[in-house]
Amino acid sequence: MGGIPDPPGRYGLFPLIATPNPRFGSTTGPGNPPPRDEESLLPTAPSGPGRPEELLTVARDSDLAPPARAYFDSGHLKYLFFVIVMSLYFLIITANVLLIVVICVNRSLHEPMYMFLCSLFVNELYGSTGLFPLLLLQILSDVHTVSAPLCFLQIFCVHTYGTAELANLAVMSYDRYLAICFPLQYHTRMSPCKVSMLIVLTWFSSFLVITVLISLSAPLQLCGNIINKVYCDNYSIVKLACSDTTVNNIYGLISSPLVILCPVSLILYTYMRILKICFSGSKHTRQKAVSTCTPHLASLLNFSFGCFFEILQSRFNMNSVPSMLRIFLSLYFLTCQPVFNPLMYGLTLSKISLTCKKLLCADM
């Protein structure tokens, strides 16, 4: 497998190591030790079908590009893992598509809050589709290989999902702020034109930021071919680069405040104003704030937890954390958030839950 003498075996999910690939550049350079014999760079493990680890190789055209040691020996359990992951993906698709259809078909739900929710559910479908198909293929595959174009496509999907998710949550907090703090002017300030503009801005800005990010990472010359992840992400690719990454670092310093600090600042500001109104307002205002802001806050905290651990795992050595726990938490914001949001909003918002019950009862 491109100079890596690694026979196919039966493996499930696990984290990865790095190995140099001469077709993508040498690991020798400032701060890098001279390359050793290729066999000494491979994980030490007994040979044959019982060995515990295998390399996931990412191929670029006819050459090898970043592989990943993301698999442990699961034997026939890989079929059980496949069924579990496939069931989770089916649940995500069913729950999100159901709520999108309910919102689009029911005219009483054609309000700003539900339009933003519809955008959020579309993003859940988009993000999970960027992860699950490739993950399902890798679970069943004996030779864990993915092409570099597919790897960069997954990077694009995962990063735009995360960016759009935070932007959607920020726009929803702004919508709740107007609804609670300016109830009489709400429909004037949140007109259909403004709703459309905010949704387009959310998606366009996310795609633009990540398109530039990918255009800077794709030309990099890589010295290794193993990604320390279950899925492809931009930071893992940049860490493998032996060419100059100054432009990538500068762009990261500029784009990060726009992608993270701006939405978070807007969310903090709107909730401070909402809390102020709740303490000084009527009981009805407090009830309205609790009923509409609780699912939004729960979604925001759930997403923040997943992103926090993902950033922590990317930047620091997490070898002391059990491998299965690392895998679960690294996939948390891509797997649990798409399930959590439709269930949370579908069960807590009375208009949506009643419409879903009527729809399901009518079919029965």
Protein backbone atom coordinates (compact mmCIF):
# COMPACT_ATOMS: atom_id res chain seq x y z
CA MET A 1 0.00 0.00 0.00
CA GLY A 2 2.29 2.74 -1.34
CA GLY A 3 5.38 1.45 0.48
CA ILE A 4 3.51 0.61 3.68
CA PRO A 5 3.64 -3.18 4.09
CA ASP A 6 0.30 -3.53 5.79
CA PRO A 7 -1.93 -6.54 4.97
CA PRO A 8 -5.69 -5.95 5.15
CA GLY A 9 -7.45 -7.08 8.28
CA ARG A 10 -10.70 -6.72 10.18
CA TYR A 11 -10.79 -3.48 12.09
CA GLY A 12 -13.09 -0.91 13.70
CA LEU A 13 -12.51 2.70 14.88
CA PHE A 14 -9.42 4.05 16.72
CA PRO A 15 -6.94 7.11 16.65
CA LEU A 16 -3.92 7.59 14.31
CA ILE A 17 -0.13 8.11 13.93
CA ALA A 18 2.04 9.78 11.25
CA THR A 19 4.50 8.39 8.74
CA PRO A 20 6.50 10.20 6.04
CA ASN A 21 5.73 9.78 2.36
CA PRO A 22 8.55 10.71 -0.06
CA ARG A 23 6.05 11.51 -2.82
CA PHE A 24 4.66 14.35 -0.72
CA GLY A 25 7.93 15.73 0.60
CA SER A 26 10.54 14.77 3.14
CA THR A 27 10.18 15.04 6.87
CA THR A 28 13.79 16.28 7.07
CA GLY A 29 14.05 19.99 7.73
CA PRO A 30 14.27 22.58 10.51
CA GLY A 31 13.03 20.99 13.71
CA ASN A 32 12.59 17.56 12.09
CA PRO A 33 14.98 14.62 12.66
CA PRO A 34 16.48 12.80 9.64
CA PRO A 35 14.16 10.10 8.27
CA ARG A 36 14.68 6.64 9.66
CA ASP A 37 14.17 3.33 7.95
CA GLU A 38 10.54 3.03 6.82
CA GLU A 39 9.87 -0.10 8.85
CA SER A 40 10.98 1.65 12.06
CA LEU A 41 8.29 4.29 11.50
CA LEU A 42 5.47 1.74 11.47
CA PRO A 43 3.61 0.82 14.67
CA THR A 44 5.13 -2.18 16.35
CA ALA A 45 2.59 -4.97 16.28
CA PRO A 46 2.53 -8.68 15.59
CA SER A 47 2.09 -9.57 11.96
CA GLY A 48 -0.87 -11.46 10.54
CA PRO A 49 -4.64 -11.15 10.86
CA GLY A 50 -4.51 -10.71 14.64
CA ARG A 51 -2.55 -7.43 14.67
CA PRO A 52 -4.42 -4.67 16.53
CA GLU A 53 -3.93 -1.62 14.26
CA GLU A 54 -4.15 -0.68 10.58
CA LEU A 55 -3.39 2.50 8.64
CA LEU A 56 -6.12 4.46 6.88
CA THR A 57 -4.51 5.77 3.69
CA VAL A 58 -5.66 8.86 1.85
CA ALA A 59 -4.66 8.82 -1.81
CA ARG A 60 -4.18 11.88 -3.99
CA ASP A 61 -4.59 10.97 -7.66
CA SER A 62 -2.11 8.08 -8.11
CA ASP A 63 0.03 9.17 -5.15
CA LEU A 64 -0.42 8.59 -1.46
CA ALA A 65 -1.41 11.47 0.74
CA PRO A 66 -2.43 11.63 4.45
CA PRO A 67 -3.31 8.02 6.05
CA ALA A 68 -4.80 7.52 9.51
CA ARG A 69 -4.38 4.89 12.24
CA ALA A 70 -8.01 5.06 13.24
CA TYR A 71 -8.95 1.46 13.68
CA PHE A 72 -8.79 -1.30 16.30
CA ASP A 73 -9.42 -5.00 15.81
CA SER A 74 -13.18 -5.54 15.97
CA GLY A 75 -13.52 -8.73 13.94
CA HIS A 76 -17.11 -9.48 13.04
CA LEU A 77 -18.26 -6.73 15.43
CA LYS A 78 -17.64 -4.30 12.59
CA TYR A 79 -21.05 -5.34 11.22
CA LEU A 80 -22.65 -4.45 14.56
CA PHE A 81 -20.84 -1.07 14.52
CA PHE A 82 -22.07 -0.54 10.97
CA VAL A 83 -25.70 -1.22 11.96
CA ILE A 84 -25.45 1.12 14.97
CA VAL A 85 -23.93 3.98 12.96
CA MET A 86 -26.34 3.38 10.08
CA SER A 87 -29.30 3.47 12.48
CA LEU A 88 -28.05 6.74 13.95
CA TYR A 89 -27.71 8.24 10.46
CA PHE A 90 -31.22 7.04 9.54
CA LEU A 91 -32.61 8.62 12.73
CA ILE A 92 -30.89 11.93 11.91
CA ILE A 93 -32.28 11.97 8.37
CA THR A 94 -35.81 10.98 9.47
CA ALA A 95 -36.07 13.45 12.37
CA ASN A 96 -34.66 16.44 10.50
CA VAL A 97 -36.53 15.80 7.23
CA LEU A 98 -39.80 15.36 9.17
CA LEU A 99 -39.45 18.73 10.88
CA ILE A 100 -38.36 20.48 7.67
CA VAL A 101 -41.45 19.13 5.88
CA VAL A 102 -43.72 20.06 8.81
CA ILE A 103 -42.43 23.65 8.83
CA CYS A 104 -42.56 24.06 5.05
CA VAL A 105 -46.03 22.54 4.58
CA ASN A 106 -47.81 24.13 7.55
CA ARG A 107 -48.52 27.82 6.85
CA SER A 108 -49.02 28.61 10.54
CA LEU A 109 -45.31 27.84 11.03
CA HIS A 110 -44.15 30.30 8.37
CA GLU A 111 -42.80 32.63 11.04
CA PRO A 112 -39.21 33.89 11.46
CA MET A 113 -38.36 31.56 14.36
CA TYR A 114 -39.45 28.46 12.44
CA MET A 115 -37.71 29.59 9.24
CA PHE A 116 -34.44 29.83 11.20
CA LEU A 117 -35.16 26.41 12.70
CA CYS A 118 -35.65 25.03 9.19
CA SER A 119 -32.23 26.41 8.23
CA LEU A 120 -30.77 24.76 11.35
CA PHE A 121 -32.29 21.36 10.48
CA VAL A 122 -30.98 21.59 6.90
CA ASN A 123 -27.53 22.21 8.35
CA GLU A 124 -27.85 19.09 10.54
CA LEU A 125 -28.57 17.02 7.43
CA TYR A 126 -25.68 18.63 5.60
CA GLY A 127 -23.13 18.07 8.39
CA SER A 128 -24.10 14.48 9.10
CA THR A 129 -24.00 13.65 5.38
CA GLY A 130 -20.46 15.02 5.29
CA LEU A 131 -19.44 12.45 7.92
CA PHE A 132 -21.57 9.30 7.89
CA PRO A 133 -21.29 7.91 4.32
CA LEU A 134 -17.48 7.87 4.41
CA LEU A 135 -17.45 6.62 8.00
CA LEU A 136 -19.79 3.74 7.12
CA LEU A 137 -17.57 2.74 4.20
CA GLN A 138 -14.47 2.77 6.41
CA ILE A 139 -16.14 0.59 9.06
CA LEU A 140 -16.80 -2.17 6.52
CA SER A 141 -13.62 -1.73 4.50
CA ASP A 142 -10.57 -3.97 4.97
CA VAL A 143 -8.30 -1.49 3.16
CA HIS A 144 -8.92 1.87 4.82
CA THR A 145 -8.15 4.27 1.96
CA VAL A 146 -9.74 7.55 0.92
CA SER A 147 -8.73 9.84 -1.94
CA ALA A 148 -7.41 13.31 -1.16
CA PRO A 149 -10.27 15.01 -3.09
CA LEU A 150 -12.77 13.14 -0.89
CA CYS A 151 -10.75 14.05 2.18
CA PHE A 152 -10.84 17.76 1.29
CA LEU A 153 -14.54 17.48 0.44
CA GLN A 154 -15.15 16.09 3.93
CA ILE A 155 -13.06 18.91 5.43
CA PHE A 156 -15.20 21.42 3.52
CA CYS A 157 -18.47 19.83 4.71
CA VAL A 158 -17.43 19.46 8.35
CA HIS A 159 -16.02 22.99 8.66
CA THR A 160 -18.93 24.68 6.87
CA TYR A 161 -21.31 22.70 9.08
CA GLY A 162 -19.63 23.95 12.25
CA THR A 163 -19.46 27.55 10.99
CA ALA A 164 -23.07 27.58 9.80
CA GLU A 165 -24.28 25.93 13.02
CA LEU A 166 -22.83 28.68 15.20
CA ALA A 167 -24.06 31.38 12.80
CA ASN A 168 -27.58 29.88 12.81
CA LEU A 169 -27.63 29.79 16.62
CA ALA A 170 -26.49 33.44 16.72
CA VAL A 171 -29.24 34.52 14.31
CA MET A 172 -31.81 32.58 16.37
CA SER A 173 -30.67 34.33 19.56
CA TYR A 174 -31.09 37.69 17.78
CA ASP A 175 -34.59 36.65 16.70
CA ARG A 176 -35.52 35.74 20.31
CA TYR A 177 -34.09 39.05 21.50
CA LEU A 178 -36.37 41.00 19.14
CA ALA A 179 -39.41 38.84 19.98
CA ILE A 180 -39.01 39.25 23.76
CA CYS A 181 -37.58 42.76 24.06
CA PHE A 182 -39.56 44.39 21.21
CA PRO A 183 -42.81 42.36 20.89
CA LEU A 184 -44.84 45.17 19.31
CA GLN A 185 -42.18 45.96 16.70
CA TYR A 186 -41.12 42.35 16.12
CA HIS A 187 -42.80 41.76 12.76
CA THR A 188 -41.62 45.13 11.50
CA ARG A 189 -38.02 44.54 12.52
CA MET A 190 -38.01 40.86 11.47
CA SER A 191 -39.70 41.13 8.08
CA PRO A 192 -39.73 38.23 5.56
CA CYS A 193 -37.07 40.05 3.54
CA LYS A 194 -34.80 40.36 6.58
CA VAL A 195 -35.35 36.70 7.47
CA SER A 196 -34.30 35.64 3.96
CA MET A 197 -31.30 37.95 4.07
CA LEU A 198 -30.10 36.56 7.42
CA ILE A 199 -30.44 32.94 6.26
CA VAL A 200 -28.56 33.65 3.01
CA LEU A 201 -25.87 35.57 4.92
CA THR A 202 -25.46 32.67 7.35
CA TRP A 203 -24.83 30.14 4.59
CA PHE A 204 -22.91 32.39 2.18
CA SER A 205 -20.45 33.59 4.84
CA SER A 206 -19.84 30.02 6.02
CA PHE A 207 -19.15 28.74 2.50
CA LEU A 208 -16.94 31.73 1.69
CA VAL A 209 -14.76 31.43 4.80
CA ILE A 210 -14.20 27.70 4.39
CA THR A 211 -13.66 27.91 0.61
CA VAL A 212 -10.73 30.27 1.21
CA LEU A 213 -9.48 27.96 3.98
CA ILE A 214 -9.50 24.92 1.65
CA SER A 215 -7.87 26.87 -1.19
CA LEU A 216 -4.94 27.64 1.14
CA SER A 217 -4.61 24.08 2.49
CA ALA A 218 -5.03 22.06 -0.72
CA PRO A 219 -1.73 23.18 -2.41
CA LEU A 220 0.41 22.41 0.68
CA GLN A 221 3.20 19.86 0.25
CA LEU A 222 2.72 17.12 2.83
CA CYS A 223 5.48 15.24 4.64
CA GLY A 224 3.28 12.63 6.28
CA ASN A 225 0.35 10.48 5.28
CA ILE A 226 -1.44 9.70 8.53
CA ILE A 227 -4.20 11.82 10.08
CA ASN A 228 -4.70 11.57 13.83
CA LYS A 229 -8.49 11.54 13.42
CA VAL A 230 -11.44 9.35 12.55
CA TYR A 231 -12.33 11.88 9.83
CA CYS A 232 -10.43 14.48 7.80
CA ASP A 233 -10.05 17.98 9.21
CA ASN A 234 -8.04 21.02 8.14
CA TYR A 235 -5.78 21.27 11.19
CA SER A 236 -4.60 17.68 10.72
CA ILE A 237 -3.65 18.43 7.10
CA VAL A 238 -1.77 21.63 8.01
CA LYS A 239 0.18 19.77 10.70
CA LEU A 240 1.46 17.36 8.02
CA ALA A 241 2.71 20.18 5.78
CA CYS A 242 6.44 20.67 5.22
CA SER A 243 5.91 23.75 3.04
CA ASP A 244 5.45 27.24 4.50
CA THR A 245 2.12 27.63 6.36
CA THR A 246 2.49 31.32 7.29
CA VAL A 247 -0.42 32.39 5.07
CA ASN A 248 -2.60 29.64 6.58
CA ASN A 249 -1.75 30.80 10.10
CA ILE A 250 -2.46 34.46 9.31
CA TYR A 251 -5.78 33.58 7.70
CA GLY A 252 -6.66 31.47 10.75
CA LEU A 253 -5.94 34.41 13.06
CA ILE A 254 -8.18 36.68 10.94
CA SER A 255 -11.03 34.25 10.26
CA SER A 256 -11.33 32.78 13.78
CA PRO A 257 -12.62 36.01 15.39
CA LEU A 258 -15.12 36.40 12.55
CA VAL A 259 -16.34 32.81 12.74
CA ILE A 260 -16.35 32.39 16.55
CA LEU A 261 -16.12 35.68 18.44
CA CYS A 262 -18.71 37.61 16.40
CA PRO A 263 -21.54 35.02 16.79
CA VAL A 264 -20.63 34.35 20.45
CA SER A 265 -20.59 38.10 21.21
CA LEU A 266 -24.01 38.50 19.60
CA ILE A 267 -25.39 35.54 21.60
CA LEU A 268 -24.02 36.91 24.89
CA TYR A 269 -25.37 40.40 24.19
CA THR A 270 -28.86 39.20 23.27
CA TYR A 271 -29.15 36.94 26.31
CA MET A 272 -27.98 39.70 28.64
CA ARG A 273 -30.77 41.90 27.27
CA ILE A 274 -33.30 39.07 27.51
CA LEU A 275 -32.35 38.41 31.16
CA LYS A 276 -32.72 42.11 31.94
CA ILE A 277 -36.22 42.15 30.44
CA CYS A 278 -37.17 38.94 32.28
CA PHE A 279 -36.21 40.36 35.67
CA SER A 280 -38.08 43.61 35.09
CA GLY A 281 -40.94 42.32 32.94
CA SER A 282 -44.25 40.55 33.54
CA LYS A 283 -44.85 36.88 34.28
CA HIS A 284 -46.05 36.37 30.69
CA THR A 285 -42.75 37.76 29.36
CA ARG A 286 -40.76 35.40 31.60
CA GLN A 287 -42.84 32.40 30.50
CA LYS A 288 -42.38 33.31 26.84
CA ALA A 289 -38.62 33.69 27.33
CA VAL A 290 -38.30 30.34 29.11
CA SER A 291 -40.41 28.42 26.58
CA THR A 292 -38.55 29.69 23.50
CA CYS A 293 -35.03 30.21 24.87
CA THR A 294 -34.63 26.91 26.78
CA PRO A 295 -34.25 24.69 23.68
CA HIS A 296 -31.95 27.26 22.07
CA LEU A 297 -29.72 27.42 25.15
CA ALA A 298 -29.65 23.62 25.41
CA SER A 299 -28.66 23.35 21.74
CA LEU A 300 -25.98 26.00 22.16
CA LEU A 301 -24.47 24.33 25.24
CA ASN A 302 -24.55 20.90 23.58
CA PHE A 303 -22.78 22.20 20.47
CA SER A 304 -20.26 24.20 22.54
CA PHE A 305 -19.34 21.10 24.55
CA GLY A 306 -18.65 19.07 21.40
CA CYS A 307 -16.61 21.87 19.79
CA PHE A 308 -14.65 22.50 23.01
CA PHE A 309 -13.46 18.91 23.25
CA GLU A 310 -12.73 18.75 19.52
CA ILE A 311 -10.51 21.86 19.75
CA LEU A 312 -8.91 20.52 22.95
CA GLN A 313 -8.13 17.18 21.33
CA SER A 314 -6.66 18.80 18.22
CA ARG A 315 -4.32 21.14 20.12
CA PHE A 316 -3.18 18.99 23.06
CA ASN A 317 -1.91 15.48 23.71
CA MET A 318 -4.92 13.43 24.81
CA ASN A 319 -3.21 10.03 25.02
CA SER A 320 -4.15 9.76 28.70
CA VAL A 321 -7.85 9.73 27.72
CA PRO A 322 -9.22 6.25 26.81
CA SER A 323 -9.24 5.74 23.06
CA MET A 324 -12.95 4.92 22.73
CA LEU A 325 -13.85 8.01 24.76
CA ARG A 326 -11.63 10.18 22.53
CA ILE A 327 -13.35 8.83 19.43
CA PHE A 328 -16.83 9.37 20.86
CA LEU A 329 -16.11 12.93 21.97
CA SER A 330 -14.34 13.85 18.70
CA LEU A 331 -17.48 12.77 16.82
CA TYR A 332 -19.90 14.26 19.37
CA PHE A 333 -20.70 17.57 17.65
CA LEU A 334 -21.18 15.79 14.29
CA THR A 335 -23.36 12.94 15.59
CA CYS A 336 -25.22 14.06 18.72
CA GLN A 337 -26.08 17.63 17.69
CA PRO A 338 -28.02 16.53 14.55
CA VAL A 339 -30.08 14.18 16.75
CA PHE A 340 -30.39 16.51 19.72
CA ASN A 341 -31.76 19.55 17.87
CA PRO A 342 -34.81 18.00 16.14
CA LEU A 343 -35.73 16.04 19.28
CA MET A 344 -35.32 19.07 21.55
CA TYR A 345 -37.26 21.51 19.35
CA GLY A 346 -39.80 18.92 18.24
CA LEU A 347 -40.72 18.03 21.82
CA THR A 348 -40.50 21.45 23.52
CA LEU A 349 -42.12 23.78 20.96
CA SER A 350 -45.87 23.17 21.18
CA LYS A 351 -46.71 24.26 17.62
CA ILE A 352 -44.23 21.81 16.10
CA SER A 353 -45.10 18.93 18.42
CA LEU A 354 -48.86 19.33 17.84
CA THR A 355 -48.39 19.52 14.06
CA CYS A 356 -46.19 16.40 14.11
CA LYS A 357 -48.80 14.51 16.16
CA LYS A 358 -51.57 15.51 13.74
CA LEU A 359 -49.43 14.45 10.79
CA LEU A 360 -48.55 11.09 12.31
CA CYS A 361 -52.12 10.41 13.46
CA ALA A 362 -53.48 11.29 10.02
CA ASP A 363 -51.12 8.74 8.41
CA MET A 364 -52.31 6.06 10.88
